[in-house]
Amino acid sequence: MKKIPVSLYELSRYFEAHVDRSDRRFNVLRRRPVEWYKDPVDSTASDLDGYRSQIESVEAIAIHIPEHRVDDFLSCIDDRSIREMEIRNNVPAVKKAYEQYQLLLKMCGYEDAGY
């Protein structure tokens, strides 16, 4: 299992929350670039745009927040951040550009780039 990011622990301390590994798993649709040179025979119609869609099972975490801190926690999530996240998840070019941006931040020494 992967470690829970340190920034998540910091978030949990700020909101008096507790973070645990969860037994729950989520099935998410991932779009990965097709590597034509490795497997040209195993391409499907969905590969024609250069990406292969695949359902992947991912681990989950549980965040337990005291009731009196829920409003504070939710106020940190604004509509713009949610909209940007939706765009990144639905537009492959934007997602790739964002990942490259995060990588550049990390390469420049900004450790909390979230990548």
C-alpha atoms as a PDB file:
ATOM      1  CA  MET A   1       0.000   0.000   0.000  1.00  0.00           C
ATOM      2  CA  LYS A   2       1.079   3.536  -0.701  1.00  0.00           C
ATOM      3  CA  LYS A   3       1.649   6.042   2.087  1.00  0.00           C
ATOM      4  CA  ILE A   4      -0.907   8.750   2.749  1.00  0.00           C
ATOM      5  CA  PRO A   5       0.625  12.047   1.583  1.00  0.00           C
ATOM      6  CA  VAL A   6       2.074  14.233   4.332  1.00  0.00           C
ATOM      7  CA  SER A   7      -0.063  17.141   3.160  1.00  0.00           C
ATOM      8  CA  LEU A   8      -3.150  15.060   3.932  1.00  0.00           C
ATOM      9  CA  TYR A   9      -1.934  14.611   7.492  1.00  0.00           C
ATOM     10  CA  GLU A  10      -1.362  18.354   7.752  1.00  0.00           C
ATOM     11  CA  LEU A  11      -4.885  18.933   6.501  1.00  0.00           C
ATOM     12  CA  SER A  12      -6.237  16.478   9.040  1.00  0.00           C
ATOM     13  CA  ARG A  13      -4.412  18.228  11.892  1.00  0.00           C
ATOM     14  CA  TYR A  14      -5.760  21.617  10.838  1.00  0.00           C
ATOM     15  CA  PHE A  15      -9.356  20.341  10.783  1.00  0.00           C
ATOM     16  CA  GLU A  16      -8.972  18.072  13.839  1.00  0.00           C
ATOM     17  CA  ALA A  17      -9.653  15.117  11.556  1.00  0.00           C
ATOM     18  CA  HIS A  18      -8.415  11.553  11.505  1.00  0.00           C
ATOM     19  CA  VAL A  19      -7.194   9.863   8.309  1.00  0.00           C
ATOM     20  CA  ASP A  20      -7.336   6.073   7.884  1.00  0.00           C
ATOM     21  CA  ARG A  21      -6.789   3.574   5.131  1.00  0.00           C
ATOM     22  CA  SER A  22     -10.097   2.266   3.891  1.00  0.00           C
ATOM     23  CA  ASP A  23     -11.022  -1.263   2.853  1.00  0.00           C
ATOM     24  CA  ARG A  24     -13.191   0.293   0.167  1.00  0.00           C
ATOM     25  CA  ARG A  25     -11.988   0.424  -3.431  1.00  0.00           C
ATOM     26  CA  PHE A  26     -13.249   2.549  -6.301  1.00  0.00           C
ATOM     27  CA  ASN A  27     -13.499   1.632  -9.964  1.00  0.00           C
ATOM     28  CA  VAL A  28     -12.385   4.593 -12.048  1.00  0.00           C
ATOM     29  CA  LEU A  29     -12.171   5.029 -15.796  1.00  0.00           C
ATOM     30  CA  ARG A  30      -8.612   5.836 -16.853  1.00  0.00           C
ATOM     31  CA  ARG A  31      -7.562   7.009 -20.290  1.00  0.00           C
ATOM     32  CA  ARG A  32      -3.997   6.071 -21.077  1.00  0.00           C
ATOM     33  CA  PRO A  33      -2.041   6.879 -24.235  1.00  0.00           C
ATOM     34  CA  VAL A  34      -1.883   3.936 -26.617  1.00  0.00           C
ATOM     35  CA  GLU A  35       1.603   2.666 -27.286  1.00  0.00           C
ATOM     36  CA  TRP A  36       1.094   1.591 -30.885  1.00  0.00           C
ATOM     37  CA  TYR A  37       4.588   0.250 -31.337  1.00  0.00           C
ATOM     38  CA  LYS A  38       4.189  -2.272 -28.503  1.00  0.00           C
ATOM     39  CA  ASP A  39       0.782  -3.755 -29.225  1.00  0.00           C
ATOM     40  CA  PRO A  40      -0.649  -2.790 -32.633  1.00  0.00           C
ATOM     41  CA  VAL A  41      -2.696  -6.002 -32.879  1.00  0.00           C
ATOM     42  CA  ASP A  42      -4.592  -5.394 -29.628  1.00  0.00           C
ATOM     43  CA  SER A  43      -6.097  -2.046 -30.577  1.00  0.00           C
ATOM     44  CA  THR A  44      -9.823  -1.401 -30.401  1.00  0.00           C
ATOM     45  CA  ALA A  45     -12.080   1.245 -31.906  1.00  0.00           C
ATOM     46  CA  SER A  46     -11.664   3.361 -28.748  1.00  0.00           C
ATOM     47  CA  ASP A  47      -7.914   3.482 -29.415  1.00  0.00           C
ATOM     48  CA  LEU A  48      -8.325   5.495 -32.578  1.00  0.00           C
ATOM     49  CA  ASP A  49      -8.084   8.804 -30.718  1.00  0.00           C
ATOM     50  CA  GLY A  50      -4.705   7.752 -29.293  1.00  0.00           C
ATOM     51  CA  TYR A  51      -6.007   6.730 -25.879  1.00  0.00           C
ATOM     52  CA  ARG A  52      -7.208   3.459 -24.412  1.00  0.00           C
ATOM     53  CA  SER A  53      -9.984   3.565 -21.837  1.00  0.00           C
ATOM     54  CA  GLN A  54      -9.612   1.120 -18.990  1.00  0.00           C
ATOM     55  CA  ILE A  55     -11.429   0.627 -15.700  1.00  0.00           C
ATOM     56  CA  GLU A  56      -8.968   0.474 -12.827  1.00  0.00           C
ATOM     57  CA  SER A  57      -9.585  -0.398  -9.184  1.00  0.00           C
ATOM     58  CA  VAL A  58      -7.995   2.158  -6.835  1.00  0.00           C
ATOM     59  CA  GLU A  59      -7.505   2.296  -3.079  1.00  0.00           C
ATOM     60  CA  ALA A  60      -9.421   4.706  -0.871  1.00  0.00           C
ATOM     61  CA  ILE A  61      -8.825   6.608   2.330  1.00  0.00           C
ATOM     62  CA  ALA A  62     -11.316   7.654   4.980  1.00  0.00           C
ATOM     63  CA  ILE A  63     -11.263  11.143   6.476  1.00  0.00           C
ATOM     64  CA  HIS A  64     -13.172  11.488   9.744  1.00  0.00           C
ATOM     65  CA  ILE A  65     -13.936  15.142  10.548  1.00  0.00           C
ATOM     66  CA  PRO A  66     -15.671  16.382  13.692  1.00  0.00           C
ATOM     67  CA  GLU A  67     -19.101  17.813  12.932  1.00  0.00           C
ATOM     68  CA  HIS A  68     -18.165  21.264  14.185  1.00  0.00           C
ATOM     69  CA  ARG A  69     -15.324  21.466  11.561  1.00  0.00           C
ATOM     70  CA  VAL A  70     -17.236  20.238   8.489  1.00  0.00           C
ATOM     71  CA  ASP A  71     -18.320  23.731   7.409  1.00  0.00           C
ATOM     72  CA  ASP A  72     -14.734  24.987   7.722  1.00  0.00           C
ATOM     73  CA  PHE A  73     -13.515  22.059   5.645  1.00  0.00           C
ATOM     74  CA  LEU A  74     -16.121  22.566   2.922  1.00  0.00           C
ATOM     75  CA  SER A  75     -15.463  26.304   2.759  1.00  0.00           C
ATOM     76  CA  CYS A  76     -11.917  25.504   1.569  1.00  0.00           C
ATOM     77  CA  ILE A  77     -13.306  23.899  -1.577  1.00  0.00           C
ATOM     78  CA  ASP A  78     -14.505  26.567  -3.962  1.00  0.00           C
ATOM     79  CA  ASP A  79     -16.515  26.252  -7.176  1.00  0.00           C
ATOM     80  CA  ARG A  80     -13.571  27.280  -9.338  1.00  0.00           C
ATOM     81  CA  SER A  81     -11.349  24.486  -8.000  1.00  0.00           C
ATOM     82  CA  ILE A  82     -14.079  21.937  -8.609  1.00  0.00           C
ATOM     83  CA  ARG A  83     -14.650  23.196 -12.174  1.00  0.00           C
ATOM     84  CA  GLU A  84     -10.901  23.115 -12.912  1.00  0.00           C
ATOM     85  CA  MET A  85     -10.712  19.554 -11.602  1.00  0.00           C
ATOM     86  CA  GLU A  86     -13.635  18.513 -13.818  1.00  0.00           C
ATOM     87  CA  ILE A  87     -11.940  20.018 -16.868  1.00  0.00           C
ATOM     88  CA  ARG A  88      -8.647  18.275 -16.065  1.00  0.00           C
ATOM     89  CA  ASN A  89     -10.430  14.943 -15.691  1.00  0.00           C
ATOM     90  CA  ASN A  90     -12.495  15.290 -18.878  1.00  0.00           C
ATOM     91  CA  VAL A  91     -10.050  16.909 -21.320  1.00  0.00           C
ATOM     92  CA  PRO A  92      -6.938  14.763 -21.865  1.00  0.00           C
ATOM     93  CA  ALA A  93      -4.845  17.641 -23.276  1.00  0.00           C
ATOM     94  CA  VAL A  94      -5.547  19.805 -20.219  1.00  0.00           C
ATOM     95  CA  LYS A  95      -4.804  16.892 -17.896  1.00  0.00           C
ATOM     96  CA  LYS A  96      -1.457  16.242 -19.584  1.00  0.00           C
ATOM     97  CA  ALA A  97      -0.519  19.952 -19.504  1.00  0.00           C
ATOM     98  CA  TYR A  98      -1.434  20.147 -15.799  1.00  0.00           C
ATOM     99  CA  GLU A  99       0.661  17.056 -15.001  1.00  0.00           C
ATOM    100  CA  GLN A 100       3.619  18.584 -16.842  1.00  0.00           C
ATOM    101  CA  TYR A 101       3.124  21.833 -14.916  1.00  0.00           C
ATOM    102  CA  GLN A 102       3.106  19.922 -11.609  1.00  0.00           C
ATOM    103  CA  LEU A 103       6.261  18.063 -12.637  1.00  0.00           C
ATOM    104  CA  LEU A 104       8.019  21.348 -13.488  1.00  0.00           C
ATOM    105  CA  LEU A 105       7.074  22.759 -10.089  1.00  0.00           C
ATOM    106  CA  LYS A 106       8.519  19.696  -8.401  1.00  0.00           C
ATOM    107  CA  MET A 107      11.706  19.927 -10.484  1.00  0.00           C
ATOM    108  CA  CYS A 108      12.097  23.555  -9.374  1.00  0.00           C
ATOM    109  CA  GLY A 109      12.041  22.499  -5.732  1.00  0.00           C
ATOM    110  CA  TYR A 110       8.390  23.087  -4.912  1.00  0.00           C
ATOM    111  CA  GLU A 111       7.857  19.824  -3.025  1.00  0.00           C
ATOM    112  CA  ASP A 112       4.121  20.183  -2.396  1.00  0.00           C
ATOM    113  CA  ALA A 113       3.295  20.124  -6.098  1.00  0.00           C
ATOM    114  CA  GLY A 114       0.809  17.321  -5.525  1.00  0.00           C
ATOM    115  CA  TYR A 115       2.407  15.138  -8.181  1.00  0.00           C
END
